PDBML (XML) file of the C-alpha atoms, coordinates in Angstrom:
<?xml version="1.0" encoding="UTF-8" ?>
<PDBx:datablock datablockName="MODEL"
   xmlns:PDBx="http://pdbml.pdb.org/schema/pdbx-v50.xsd"
   xmlns:xsi="http://www.w3.org/2001/XMLSchema-instance"
   xsi:schemaLocation="http://pdbml.pdb.org/schema/pdbx-v50.xsd pdbx-v50.xsd">
   <PDBx:atom_siteCategory>
      <PDBx:atom_site id="1">
         <PDBx:B_iso_or_equiv>0.00</PDBx:B_iso_or_equiv>
         <PDBx:Cartn_x>15.199</PDBx:Cartn_x>
         <PDBx:Cartn_y>-23.968</PDBx:Cartn_y>
         <PDBx:Cartn_z>46.337</PDBx:Cartn_z>
         <PDBx:auth_asym_id>A</PDBx:auth_asym_id>
         <PDBx:auth_atom_id>CA</PDBx:auth_atom_id>
         <PDBx:auth_comp_id>SER</PDBx:auth_comp_id>
         <PDBx:auth_seq_id>1</PDBx:auth_seq_id>
         <PDBx:group_PDB>ATOM</PDBx:group_PDB>
         <PDBx:label_alt_id xsi:nil="true" />
         <PDBx:label_asym_id>A</PDBx:label_asym_id>
         <PDBx:label_atom_id>CA</PDBx:label_atom_id>
         <PDBx:label_comp_id>SER</PDBx:label_comp_id>
         <PDBx:label_entity_id>1</PDBx:label_entity_id>
         <PDBx:label_seq_id>1</PDBx:label_seq_id>
         <PDBx:occupancy>1.00</PDBx:occupancy>
         <PDBx:pdbx_PDB_model_num>1</PDBx:pdbx_PDB_model_num>
         <PDBx:type_symbol>C</PDBx:type_symbol>
      </PDBx:atom_site>
      <PDBx:atom_site id="2">
         <PDBx:B_iso_or_equiv>0.00</PDBx:B_iso_or_equiv>
         <PDBx:Cartn_x>14.085</PDBx:Cartn_x>
         <PDBx:Cartn_y>-25.159</PDBx:Cartn_y>
         <PDBx:Cartn_z>43.411</PDBx:Cartn_z>
         <PDBx:auth_asym_id>A</PDBx:auth_asym_id>
         <PDBx:auth_atom_id>CA</PDBx:auth_atom_id>
         <PDBx:auth_comp_id>GLY</PDBx:auth_comp_id>
         <PDBx:auth_seq_id>2</PDBx:auth_seq_id>
         <PDBx:group_PDB>ATOM</PDBx:group_PDB>
         <PDBx:label_alt_id xsi:nil="true" />
         <PDBx:label_asym_id>A</PDBx:label_asym_id>
         <PDBx:label_atom_id>CA</PDBx:label_atom_id>
         <PDBx:label_comp_id>GLY</PDBx:label_comp_id>
         <PDBx:label_entity_id>1</PDBx:label_entity_id>
         <PDBx:label_seq_id>2</PDBx:label_seq_id>
         <PDBx:occupancy>1.00</PDBx:occupancy>
         <PDBx:pdbx_PDB_model_num>1</PDBx:pdbx_PDB_model_num>
         <PDBx:type_symbol>C</PDBx:type_symbol>
      </PDBx:atom_site>
      <PDBx:atom_site id="3">
         <PDBx:B_iso_or_equiv>0.00</PDBx:B_iso_or_equiv>
         <PDBx:Cartn_x>13.883</PDBx:Cartn_x>
         <PDBx:Cartn_y>-21.560</PDBx:Cartn_y>
         <PDBx:Cartn_z>41.356</PDBx:Cartn_z>
         <PDBx:auth_asym_id>A</PDBx:auth_asym_id>
         <PDBx:auth_atom_id>CA</PDBx:auth_atom_id>
         <PDBx:auth_comp_id>GLY</PDBx:auth_comp_id>
         <PDBx:auth_seq_id>3</PDBx:auth_seq_id>
         <PDBx:group_PDB>ATOM</PDBx:group_PDB>
         <PDBx:label_alt_id xsi:nil="true" />
         <PDBx:label_asym_id>A</PDBx:label_asym_id>
         <PDBx:label_atom_id>CA</PDBx:label_atom_id>
         <PDBx:label_comp_id>GLY</PDBx:label_comp_id>
         <PDBx:label_entity_id>1</PDBx:label_entity_id>
         <PDBx:label_seq_id>3</PDBx:label_seq_id>
         <PDBx:occupancy>1.00</PDBx:occupancy>
         <PDBx:pdbx_PDB_model_num>1</PDBx:pdbx_PDB_model_num>
         <PDBx:type_symbol>C</PDBx:type_symbol>
      </PDBx:atom_site>
      <PDBx:atom_site id="4">
         <PDBx:B_iso_or_equiv>0.00</PDBx:B_iso_or_equiv>
         <PDBx:Cartn_x>15.694</PDBx:Cartn_x>
         <PDBx:Cartn_y>-21.514</PDBx:Cartn_y>
         <PDBx:Cartn_z>37.854</PDBx:Cartn_z>
         <PDBx:auth_asym_id>A</PDBx:auth_asym_id>
         <PDBx:auth_atom_id>CA</PDBx:auth_atom_id>
         <PDBx:auth_comp_id>GLY</PDBx:auth_comp_id>
         <PDBx:auth_seq_id>4</PDBx:auth_seq_id>
         <PDBx:group_PDB>ATOM</PDBx:group_PDB>
         <PDBx:label_alt_id xsi:nil="true" />
         <PDBx:label_asym_id>A</PDBx:label_asym_id>
         <PDBx:label_atom_id>CA</PDBx:label_atom_id>
         <PDBx:label_comp_id>GLY</PDBx:label_comp_id>
         <PDBx:label_entity_id>1</PDBx:label_entity_id>
         <PDBx:label_seq_id>4</PDBx:label_seq_id>
         <PDBx:occupancy>1.00</PDBx:occupancy>
         <PDBx:pdbx_PDB_model_num>1</PDBx:pdbx_PDB_model_num>
         <PDBx:type_symbol>C</PDBx:type_symbol>
      </PDBx:atom_site>
      <PDBx:atom_site id="5">
         <PDBx:B_iso_or_equiv>0.00</PDBx:B_iso_or_equiv>
         <PDBx:Cartn_x>14.589</PDBx:Cartn_x>
         <PDBx:Cartn_y>-20.905</PDBx:Cartn_y>
         <PDBx:Cartn_z>34.223</PDBx:Cartn_z>
         <PDBx:auth_asym_id>A</PDBx:auth_asym_id>
         <PDBx:auth_atom_id>CA</PDBx:auth_atom_id>
         <PDBx:auth_comp_id>LEU</PDBx:auth_comp_id>
         <PDBx:auth_seq_id>5</PDBx:auth_seq_id>
         <PDBx:group_PDB>ATOM</PDBx:group_PDB>
         <PDBx:label_alt_id xsi:nil="true" />
         <PDBx:label_asym_id>A</PDBx:label_asym_id>
         <PDBx:label_atom_id>CA</PDBx:label_atom_id>
         <PDBx:label_comp_id>LEU</PDBx:label_comp_id>
         <PDBx:label_entity_id>1</PDBx:label_entity_id>
         <PDBx:label_seq_id>5</PDBx:label_seq_id>
         <PDBx:occupancy>1.00</PDBx:occupancy>
         <PDBx:pdbx_PDB_model_num>1</PDBx:pdbx_PDB_model_num>
         <PDBx:type_symbol>C</PDBx:type_symbol>
      </PDBx:atom_site>
      <PDBx:atom_site id="6">
         <PDBx:B_iso_or_equiv>0.00</PDBx:B_iso_or_equiv>
         <PDBx:Cartn_x>11.055</PDBx:Cartn_x>
         <PDBx:Cartn_y>-21.831</PDBx:Cartn_y>
         <PDBx:Cartn_z>32.734</PDBx:Cartn_z>
         <PDBx:auth_asym_id>A</PDBx:auth_asym_id>
         <PDBx:auth_atom_id>CA</PDBx:auth_atom_id>
         <PDBx:auth_comp_id>VAL</PDBx:auth_comp_id>
         <PDBx:auth_seq_id>6</PDBx:auth_seq_id>
         <PDBx:group_PDB>ATOM</PDBx:group_PDB>
         <PDBx:label_alt_id xsi:nil="true" />
         <PDBx:label_asym_id>A</PDBx:label_asym_id>
         <PDBx:label_atom_id>CA</PDBx:label_atom_id>
         <PDBx:label_comp_id>VAL</PDBx:label_comp_id>
         <PDBx:label_entity_id>1</PDBx:label_entity_id>
         <PDBx:label_seq_id>6</PDBx:label_seq_id>
         <PDBx:occupancy>1.00</PDBx:occupancy>
         <PDBx:pdbx_PDB_model_num>1</PDBx:pdbx_PDB_model_num>
         <PDBx:type_symbol>C</PDBx:type_symbol>
      </PDBx:atom_site>
      <PDBx:atom_site id="7">
         <PDBx:B_iso_or_equiv>0.00</PDBx:B_iso_or_equiv>
         <PDBx:Cartn_x>9.339</PDBx:Cartn_x>
         <PDBx:Cartn_y>-21.456</PDBx:Cartn_y>
         <PDBx:Cartn_z>29.623</PDBx:Cartn_z>
         <PDBx:auth_asym_id>A</PDBx:auth_asym_id>
         <PDBx:auth_atom_id>CA</PDBx:auth_atom_id>
         <PDBx:auth_comp_id>GLN</PDBx:auth_comp_id>
         <PDBx:auth_seq_id>7</PDBx:auth_seq_id>
         <PDBx:group_PDB>ATOM</PDBx:group_PDB>
         <PDBx:label_alt_id xsi:nil="true" />
         <PDBx:label_asym_id>A</PDBx:label_asym_id>
         <PDBx:label_atom_id>CA</PDBx:label_atom_id>
         <PDBx:label_comp_id>GLN</PDBx:label_comp_id>
         <PDBx:label_entity_id>1</PDBx:label_entity_id>
         <PDBx:label_seq_id>7</PDBx:label_seq_id>
         <PDBx:occupancy>1.00</PDBx:occupancy>
         <PDBx:pdbx_PDB_model_num>1</PDBx:pdbx_PDB_model_num>
         <PDBx:type_symbol>C</PDBx:type_symbol>
      </PDBx:atom_site>
      <PDBx:atom_site id="8">
         <PDBx:B_iso_or_equiv>0.00</PDBx:B_iso_or_equiv>
         <PDBx:Cartn_x>5.700</PDBx:Cartn_x>
         <PDBx:Cartn_y>-19.780</PDBx:Cartn_y>
         <PDBx:Cartn_z>29.821</PDBx:Cartn_z>
         <PDBx:auth_asym_id>A</PDBx:auth_asym_id>
         <PDBx:auth_atom_id>CA</PDBx:auth_atom_id>
         <PDBx:auth_comp_id>ALA</PDBx:auth_comp_id>
         <PDBx:auth_seq_id>8</PDBx:auth_seq_id>
         <PDBx:group_PDB>ATOM</PDBx:group_PDB>
         <PDBx:label_alt_id xsi:nil="true" />
         <PDBx:label_asym_id>A</PDBx:label_asym_id>
         <PDBx:label_atom_id>CA</PDBx:label_atom_id>
         <PDBx:label_comp_id>ALA</PDBx:label_comp_id>
         <PDBx:label_entity_id>1</PDBx:label_entity_id>
         <PDBx:label_seq_id>8</PDBx:label_seq_id>
         <PDBx:occupancy>1.00</PDBx:occupancy>
         <PDBx:pdbx_PDB_model_num>1</PDBx:pdbx_PDB_model_num>
         <PDBx:type_symbol>C</PDBx:type_symbol>
      </PDBx:atom_site>
      <PDBx:atom_site id="9">
         <PDBx:B_iso_or_equiv>0.00</PDBx:B_iso_or_equiv>
         <PDBx:Cartn_x>3.135</PDBx:Cartn_x>
         <PDBx:Cartn_y>-22.389</PDBx:Cartn_y>
         <PDBx:Cartn_z>30.447</PDBx:Cartn_z>
         <PDBx:auth_asym_id>A</PDBx:auth_asym_id>
         <PDBx:auth_atom_id>CA</PDBx:auth_atom_id>
         <PDBx:auth_comp_id>GLY</PDBx:auth_comp_id>
         <PDBx:auth_seq_id>9</PDBx:auth_seq_id>
         <PDBx:group_PDB>ATOM</PDBx:group_PDB>
         <PDBx:label_alt_id xsi:nil="true" />
         <PDBx:label_asym_id>A</PDBx:label_asym_id>
         <PDBx:label_atom_id>CA</PDBx:label_atom_id>
         <PDBx:label_comp_id>GLY</PDBx:label_comp_id>
         <PDBx:label_entity_id>1</PDBx:label_entity_id>
         <PDBx:label_seq_id>9</PDBx:label_seq_id>
         <PDBx:occupancy>1.00</PDBx:occupancy>
         <PDBx:pdbx_PDB_model_num>1</PDBx:pdbx_PDB_model_num>
         <PDBx:type_symbol>C</PDBx:type_symbol>
      </PDBx:atom_site>
      <PDBx:atom_site id="10">
         <PDBx:B_iso_or_equiv>0.00</PDBx:B_iso_or_equiv>
         <PDBx:Cartn_x>5.581</PDBx:Cartn_x>
         <PDBx:Cartn_y>-24.602</PDBx:Cartn_y>
         <PDBx:Cartn_z>32.435</PDBx:Cartn_z>
         <PDBx:auth_asym_id>A</PDBx:auth_asym_id>
         <PDBx:auth_atom_id>CA</PDBx:auth_atom_id>
         <PDBx:auth_comp_id>GLY</PDBx:auth_comp_id>
         <PDBx:auth_seq_id>10</PDBx:auth_seq_id>
         <PDBx:group_PDB>ATOM</PDBx:group_PDB>
         <PDBx:label_alt_id xsi:nil="true" />
         <PDBx:label_asym_id>A</PDBx:label_asym_id>
         <PDBx:label_atom_id>CA</PDBx:label_atom_id>
         <PDBx:label_comp_id>GLY</PDBx:label_comp_id>
         <PDBx:label_entity_id>1</PDBx:label_entity_id>
         <PDBx:label_seq_id>10</PDBx:label_seq_id>
         <PDBx:occupancy>1.00</PDBx:occupancy>
         <PDBx:pdbx_PDB_model_num>1</PDBx:pdbx_PDB_model_num>
         <PDBx:type_symbol>C</PDBx:type_symbol>
      </PDBx:atom_site>
      <PDBx:atom_site id="11">
         <PDBx:B_iso_or_equiv>0.00</PDBx:B_iso_or_equiv>
         <PDBx:Cartn_x>5.996</PDBx:Cartn_x>
         <PDBx:Cartn_y>-25.604</PDBx:Cartn_y>
         <PDBx:Cartn_z>36.291</PDBx:Cartn_z>
         <PDBx:auth_asym_id>A</PDBx:auth_asym_id>
         <PDBx:auth_atom_id>CA</PDBx:auth_atom_id>
         <PDBx:auth_comp_id>SER</PDBx:auth_comp_id>
         <PDBx:auth_seq_id>11</PDBx:auth_seq_id>
         <PDBx:group_PDB>ATOM</PDBx:group_PDB>
         <PDBx:label_alt_id xsi:nil="true" />
         <PDBx:label_asym_id>A</PDBx:label_asym_id>
         <PDBx:label_atom_id>CA</PDBx:label_atom_id>
         <PDBx:label_comp_id>SER</PDBx:label_comp_id>
         <PDBx:label_entity_id>1</PDBx:label_entity_id>
         <PDBx:label_seq_id>11</PDBx:label_seq_id>
         <PDBx:occupancy>1.00</PDBx:occupancy>
         <PDBx:pdbx_PDB_model_num>1</PDBx:pdbx_PDB_model_num>
         <PDBx:type_symbol>C</PDBx:type_symbol>
      </PDBx:atom_site>
      <PDBx:atom_site id="12">
         <PDBx:B_iso_or_equiv>0.00</PDBx:B_iso_or_equiv>
         <PDBx:Cartn_x>8.490</PDBx:Cartn_x>
         <PDBx:Cartn_y>-25.703</PDBx:Cartn_y>
         <PDBx:Cartn_z>39.075</PDBx:Cartn_z>
         <PDBx:auth_asym_id>A</PDBx:auth_asym_id>
         <PDBx:auth_atom_id>CA</PDBx:auth_atom_id>
         <PDBx:auth_comp_id>LEU</PDBx:auth_comp_id>
         <PDBx:auth_seq_id>12</PDBx:auth_seq_id>
         <PDBx:group_PDB>ATOM</PDBx:group_PDB>
         <PDBx:label_alt_id xsi:nil="true" />
         <PDBx:label_asym_id>A</PDBx:label_asym_id>
         <PDBx:label_atom_id>CA</PDBx:label_atom_id>
         <PDBx:label_comp_id>LEU</PDBx:label_comp_id>
         <PDBx:label_entity_id>1</PDBx:label_entity_id>
         <PDBx:label_seq_id>12</PDBx:label_seq_id>
         <PDBx:occupancy>1.00</PDBx:occupancy>
         <PDBx:pdbx_PDB_model_num>1</PDBx:pdbx_PDB_model_num>
         <PDBx:type_symbol>C</PDBx:type_symbol>
      </PDBx:atom_site>
      <PDBx:atom_site id="13">
         <PDBx:B_iso_or_equiv>0.00</PDBx:B_iso_or_equiv>
         <PDBx:Cartn_x>8.525</PDBx:Cartn_x>
         <PDBx:Cartn_y>-26.267</PDBx:Cartn_y>
         <PDBx:Cartn_z>42.734</PDBx:Cartn_z>
         <PDBx:auth_asym_id>A</PDBx:auth_asym_id>
         <PDBx:auth_atom_id>CA</PDBx:auth_atom_id>
         <PDBx:auth_comp_id>ARG</PDBx:auth_comp_id>
         <PDBx:auth_seq_id>13</PDBx:auth_seq_id>
         <PDBx:group_PDB>ATOM</PDBx:group_PDB>
         <PDBx:label_alt_id xsi:nil="true" />
         <PDBx:label_asym_id>A</PDBx:label_asym_id>
         <PDBx:label_atom_id>CA</PDBx:label_atom_id>
         <PDBx:label_comp_id>ARG</PDBx:label_comp_id>
         <PDBx:label_entity_id>1</PDBx:label_entity_id>
         <PDBx:label_seq_id>13</PDBx:label_seq_id>
         <PDBx:occupancy>1.00</PDBx:occupancy>
         <PDBx:pdbx_PDB_model_num>1</PDBx:pdbx_PDB_model_num>
         <PDBx:type_symbol>C</PDBx:type_symbol>
      </PDBx:atom_site>
      <PDBx:atom_site id="14">
         <PDBx:B_iso_or_equiv>0.00</PDBx:B_iso_or_equiv>
         <PDBx:Cartn_x>9.725</PDBx:Cartn_x>
         <PDBx:Cartn_y>-24.439</PDBx:Cartn_y>
         <PDBx:Cartn_z>45.080</PDBx:Cartn_z>
         <PDBx:auth_asym_id>A</PDBx:auth_asym_id>
         <PDBx:auth_atom_id>CA</PDBx:auth_atom_id>
         <PDBx:auth_comp_id>LEU</PDBx:auth_comp_id>
         <PDBx:auth_seq_id>14</PDBx:auth_seq_id>
         <PDBx:group_PDB>ATOM</PDBx:group_PDB>
         <PDBx:label_alt_id xsi:nil="true" />
         <PDBx:label_asym_id>A</PDBx:label_asym_id>
         <PDBx:label_atom_id>CA</PDBx:label_atom_id>
         <PDBx:label_comp_id>LEU</PDBx:label_comp_id>
         <PDBx:label_entity_id>1</PDBx:label_entity_id>
         <PDBx:label_seq_id>14</PDBx:label_seq_id>
         <PDBx:occupancy>1.00</PDBx:occupancy>
         <PDBx:pdbx_PDB_model_num>1</PDBx:pdbx_PDB_model_num>
         <PDBx:type_symbol>C</PDBx:type_symbol>
      </PDBx:atom_site>
      <PDBx:atom_site id="15">
         <PDBx:B_iso_or_equiv>0.00</PDBx:B_iso_or_equiv>
         <PDBx:Cartn_x>10.857</PDBx:Cartn_x>
         <PDBx:Cartn_y>-25.895</PDBx:Cartn_y>
         <PDBx:Cartn_z>48.377</PDBx:Cartn_z>
         <PDBx:auth_asym_id>A</PDBx:auth_asym_id>
         <PDBx:auth_atom_id>CA</PDBx:auth_atom_id>
         <PDBx:auth_comp_id>SER</PDBx:auth_comp_id>
         <PDBx:auth_seq_id>15</PDBx:auth_seq_id>
         <PDBx:group_PDB>ATOM</PDBx:group_PDB>
         <PDBx:label_alt_id xsi:nil="true" />
         <PDBx:label_asym_id>A</PDBx:label_asym_id>
         <PDBx:label_atom_id>CA</PDBx:label_atom_id>
         <PDBx:label_comp_id>SER</PDBx:label_comp_id>
         <PDBx:label_entity_id>1</PDBx:label_entity_id>
         <PDBx:label_seq_id>15</PDBx:label_seq_id>
         <PDBx:occupancy>1.00</PDBx:occupancy>
         <PDBx:pdbx_PDB_model_num>1</PDBx:pdbx_PDB_model_num>
         <PDBx:type_symbol>C</PDBx:type_symbol>
      </PDBx:atom_site>
      <PDBx:atom_site id="16">
         <PDBx:B_iso_or_equiv>0.00</PDBx:B_iso_or_equiv>
         <PDBx:Cartn_x>11.448</PDBx:Cartn_x>
         <PDBx:Cartn_y>-24.037</PDBx:Cartn_y>
         <PDBx:Cartn_z>51.872</PDBx:Cartn_z>
         <PDBx:auth_asym_id>A</PDBx:auth_asym_id>
         <PDBx:auth_atom_id>CA</PDBx:auth_atom_id>
         <PDBx:auth_comp_id>CYS</PDBx:auth_comp_id>
         <PDBx:auth_seq_id>16</PDBx:auth_seq_id>
         <PDBx:group_PDB>ATOM</PDBx:group_PDB>
         <PDBx:label_alt_id xsi:nil="true" />
         <PDBx:label_asym_id>A</PDBx:label_asym_id>
         <PDBx:label_atom_id>CA</PDBx:label_atom_id>
         <PDBx:label_comp_id>CYS</PDBx:label_comp_id>
         <PDBx:label_entity_id>1</PDBx:label_entity_id>
         <PDBx:label_seq_id>16</PDBx:label_seq_id>
         <PDBx:occupancy>1.00</PDBx:occupancy>
         <PDBx:pdbx_PDB_model_num>1</PDBx:pdbx_PDB_model_num>
         <PDBx:type_symbol>C</PDBx:type_symbol>
      </PDBx:atom_site>
      <PDBx:atom_site id="17">
         <PDBx:B_iso_or_equiv>0.00</PDBx:B_iso_or_equiv>
         <PDBx:Cartn_x>13.453</PDBx:Cartn_x>
         <PDBx:Cartn_y>-26.148</PDBx:Cartn_y>
         <PDBx:Cartn_z>54.662</PDBx:Cartn_z>
         <PDBx:auth_asym_id>A</PDBx:auth_asym_id>
         <PDBx:auth_atom_id>CA</PDBx:auth_atom_id>
         <PDBx:auth_comp_id>ALA</PDBx:auth_comp_id>
         <PDBx:auth_seq_id>17</PDBx:auth_seq_id>
         <PDBx:group_PDB>ATOM</PDBx:group_PDB>
         <PDBx:label_alt_id xsi:nil="true" />
         <PDBx:label_asym_id>A</PDBx:label_asym_id>
         <PDBx:label_atom_id>CA</PDBx:label_atom_id>
         <PDBx:label_comp_id>ALA</PDBx:label_comp_id>
         <PDBx:label_entity_id>1</PDBx:label_entity_id>
         <PDBx:label_seq_id>17</PDBx:label_seq_id>
         <PDBx:occupancy>1.00</PDBx:occupancy>
         <PDBx:pdbx_PDB_model_num>1</PDBx:pdbx_PDB_model_num>
         <PDBx:type_symbol>C</PDBx:type_symbol>
      </PDBx:atom_site>
      <PDBx:atom_site id="18">
         <PDBx:B_iso_or_equiv>0.00</PDBx:B_iso_or_equiv>
         <PDBx:Cartn_x>13.046</PDBx:Cartn_x>
         <PDBx:Cartn_y>-24.385</PDBx:Cartn_y>
         <PDBx:Cartn_z>58.176</PDBx:Cartn_z>
         <PDBx:auth_asym_id>A</PDBx:auth_asym_id>
         <PDBx:auth_atom_id>CA</PDBx:auth_atom_id>
         <PDBx:auth_comp_id>ALA</PDBx:auth_comp_id>
         <PDBx:auth_seq_id>18</PDBx:auth_seq_id>
         <PDBx:group_PDB>ATOM</PDBx:group_PDB>
         <PDBx:label_alt_id xsi:nil="true" />
         <PDBx:label_asym_id>A</PDBx:label_asym_id>
         <PDBx:label_atom_id>CA</PDBx:label_atom_id>
         <PDBx:label_comp_id>ALA</PDBx:label_comp_id>
         <PDBx:label_entity_id>1</PDBx:label_entity_id>
         <PDBx:label_seq_id>18</PDBx:label_seq_id>
         <PDBx:occupancy>1.00</PDBx:occupancy>
         <PDBx:pdbx_PDB_model_num>1</PDBx:pdbx_PDB_model_num>
         <PDBx:type_symbol>C</PDBx:type_symbol>
      </PDBx:atom_site>
      <PDBx:atom_site id="19">
         <PDBx:B_iso_or_equiv>0.00</PDBx:B_iso_or_equiv>
         <PDBx:Cartn_x>15.600</PDBx:Cartn_x>
         <PDBx:Cartn_y>-25.456</PDBx:Cartn_y>
         <PDBx:Cartn_z>60.601</PDBx:Cartn_z>
         <PDBx:auth_asym_id>A</PDBx:auth_asym_id>
         <PDBx:auth_atom_id>CA</PDBx:auth_atom_id>
         <PDBx:auth_comp_id>SER</PDBx:auth_comp_id>
         <PDBx:auth_seq_id>19</PDBx:auth_seq_id>
         <PDBx:group_PDB>ATOM</PDBx:group_PDB>
         <PDBx:label_alt_id xsi:nil="true" />
         <PDBx:label_asym_id>A</PDBx:label_asym_id>
         <PDBx:label_atom_id>CA</PDBx:label_atom_id>
         <PDBx:label_comp_id>SER</PDBx:label_comp_id>
         <PDBx:label_entity_id>1</PDBx:label_entity_id>
         <PDBx:label_seq_id>19</PDBx:label_seq_id>
         <PDBx:occupancy>1.00</PDBx:occupancy>
         <PDBx:pdbx_PDB_model_num>1</PDBx:pdbx_PDB_model_num>
         <PDBx:type_symbol>C</PDBx:type_symbol>
      </PDBx:atom_site>
      <PDBx:atom_site id="20">
         <PDBx:B_iso_or_equiv>0.00</PDBx:B_iso_or_equiv>
         <PDBx:Cartn_x>16.836</PDBx:Cartn_x>
         <PDBx:Cartn_y>-23.874</PDBx:Cartn_y>
         <PDBx:Cartn_z>64.219</PDBx:Cartn_z>
         <PDBx:auth_asym_id>A</PDBx:auth_asym_id>
         <PDBx:auth_atom_id>CA</PDBx:auth_atom_id>
         <PDBx:auth_comp_id>GLY</PDBx:auth_comp_id>
         <PDBx:auth_seq_id>20</PDBx:auth_seq_id>
         <PDBx:group_PDB>ATOM</PDBx:group_PDB>
         <PDBx:label_alt_id xsi:nil="true" />
         <PDBx:label_asym_id>A</PDBx:label_asym_id>
         <PDBx:label_atom_id>CA</PDBx:label_atom_id>
         <PDBx:label_comp_id>GLY</PDBx:label_comp_id>
         <PDBx:label_entity_id>1</PDBx:label_entity_id>
         <PDBx:label_seq_id>20</PDBx:label_seq_id>
         <PDBx:occupancy>1.00</PDBx:occupancy>
         <PDBx:pdbx_PDB_model_num>1</PDBx:pdbx_PDB_model_num>
         <PDBx:type_symbol>C</PDBx:type_symbol>
      </PDBx:atom_site>
      <PDBx:atom_site id="21">
         <PDBx:B_iso_or_equiv>0.00</PDBx:B_iso_or_equiv>
         <PDBx:Cartn_x>16.648</PDBx:Cartn_x>
         <PDBx:Cartn_y>-24.650</PDBx:Cartn_y>
         <PDBx:Cartn_z>67.544</PDBx:Cartn_z>
         <PDBx:auth_asym_id>A</PDBx:auth_asym_id>
         <PDBx:auth_atom_id>CA</PDBx:auth_atom_id>
         <PDBx:auth_comp_id>ARG</PDBx:auth_comp_id>
         <PDBx:auth_seq_id>21</PDBx:auth_seq_id>
         <PDBx:group_PDB>ATOM</PDBx:group_PDB>
         <PDBx:label_alt_id xsi:nil="true" />
         <PDBx:label_asym_id>A</PDBx:label_asym_id>
         <PDBx:label_atom_id>CA</PDBx:label_atom_id>
         <PDBx:label_comp_id>ARG</PDBx:label_comp_id>
         <PDBx:label_entity_id>1</PDBx:label_entity_id>
         <PDBx:label_seq_id>21</PDBx:label_seq_id>
         <PDBx:occupancy>1.00</PDBx:occupancy>
         <PDBx:pdbx_PDB_model_num>1</PDBx:pdbx_PDB_model_num>
         <PDBx:type_symbol>C</PDBx:type_symbol>
      </PDBx:atom_site>
      <PDBx:atom_site id="22">
         <PDBx:B_iso_or_equiv>0.00</PDBx:B_iso_or_equiv>
         <PDBx:Cartn_x>12.997</PDBx:Cartn_x>
         <PDBx:Cartn_y>-26.011</PDBx:Cartn_y>
         <PDBx:Cartn_z>68.461</PDBx:Cartn_z>
         <PDBx:auth_asym_id>A</PDBx:auth_asym_id>
         <PDBx:auth_atom_id>CA</PDBx:auth_atom_id>
         <PDBx:auth_comp_id>THR</PDBx:auth_comp_id>
         <PDBx:auth_seq_id>22</PDBx:auth_seq_id>
         <PDBx:group_PDB>ATOM</PDBx:group_PDB>
         <PDBx:label_alt_id xsi:nil="true" />
         <PDBx:label_asym_id>A</PDBx:label_asym_id>
         <PDBx:label_atom_id>CA</PDBx:label_atom_id>
         <PDBx:label_comp_id>THR</PDBx:label_comp_id>
         <PDBx:label_entity_id>1</PDBx:label_entity_id>
         <PDBx:label_seq_id>22</PDBx:label_seq_id>
         <PDBx:occupancy>1.00</PDBx:occupancy>
         <PDBx:pdbx_PDB_model_num>1</PDBx:pdbx_PDB_model_num>
         <PDBx:type_symbol>C</PDBx:type_symbol>
      </PDBx:atom_site>
      <PDBx:atom_site id="23">
         <PDBx:B_iso_or_equiv>0.00</PDBx:B_iso_or_equiv>
         <PDBx:Cartn_x>11.879</PDBx:Cartn_x>
         <PDBx:Cartn_y>-24.603</PDBx:Cartn_y>
         <PDBx:Cartn_z>65.318</PDBx:Cartn_z>
         <PDBx:auth_asym_id>A</PDBx:auth_asym_id>
         <PDBx:auth_atom_id>CA</PDBx:auth_atom_id>
         <PDBx:auth_comp_id>PHE</PDBx:auth_comp_id>
         <PDBx:auth_seq_id>23</PDBx:auth_seq_id>
         <PDBx:group_PDB>ATOM</PDBx:group_PDB>
         <PDBx:label_alt_id xsi:nil="true" />
         <PDBx:label_asym_id>A</PDBx:label_asym_id>
         <PDBx:label_atom_id>CA</PDBx:label_atom_id>
         <PDBx:label_comp_id>PHE</PDBx:label_comp_id>
         <PDBx:label_entity_id>1</PDBx:label_entity_id>
         <PDBx:label_seq_id>23</PDBx:label_seq_id>
         <PDBx:occupancy>1.00</PDBx:occupancy>
         <PDBx:pdbx_PDB_model_num>1</PDBx:pdbx_PDB_model_num>
         <PDBx:type_symbol>C</PDBx:type_symbol>
      </PDBx:atom_site>
      <PDBx:atom_site id="24">
         <PDBx:B_iso_or_equiv>0.00</PDBx:B_iso_or_equiv>
         <PDBx:Cartn_x>8.106</PDBx:Cartn_x>
         <PDBx:Cartn_y>-23.422</PDBx:Cartn_y>
         <PDBx:Cartn_z>66.022</PDBx:Cartn_z>
         <PDBx:auth_asym_id>A</PDBx:auth_asym_id>
         <PDBx:auth_atom_id>CA</PDBx:auth_atom_id>
         <PDBx:auth_comp_id>SER</PDBx:auth_comp_id>
         <PDBx:auth_seq_id>24</PDBx:auth_seq_id>
         <PDBx:group_PDB>ATOM</PDBx:group_PDB>
         <PDBx:label_alt_id xsi:nil="true" />
         <PDBx:label_asym_id>A</PDBx:label_asym_id>
         <PDBx:label_atom_id>CA</PDBx:label_atom_id>
         <PDBx:label_comp_id>SER</PDBx:label_comp_id>
         <PDBx:label_entity_id>1</PDBx:label_entity_id>
         <PDBx:label_seq_id>24</PDBx:label_seq_id>
         <PDBx:occupancy>1.00</PDBx:occupancy>
         <PDBx:pdbx_PDB_model_num>1</PDBx:pdbx_PDB_model_num>
         <PDBx:type_symbol>C</PDBx:type_symbol>
      </PDBx:atom_site>
   </PDBx:atom_siteCategory>
</PDBx:datablock>
């Protein structure tokens, strides 16, 4: 999540949430 449209010079923060049975 966290994607989008931004102007040059701007910032974004992407996140990646991991889940599942006994995630390792």
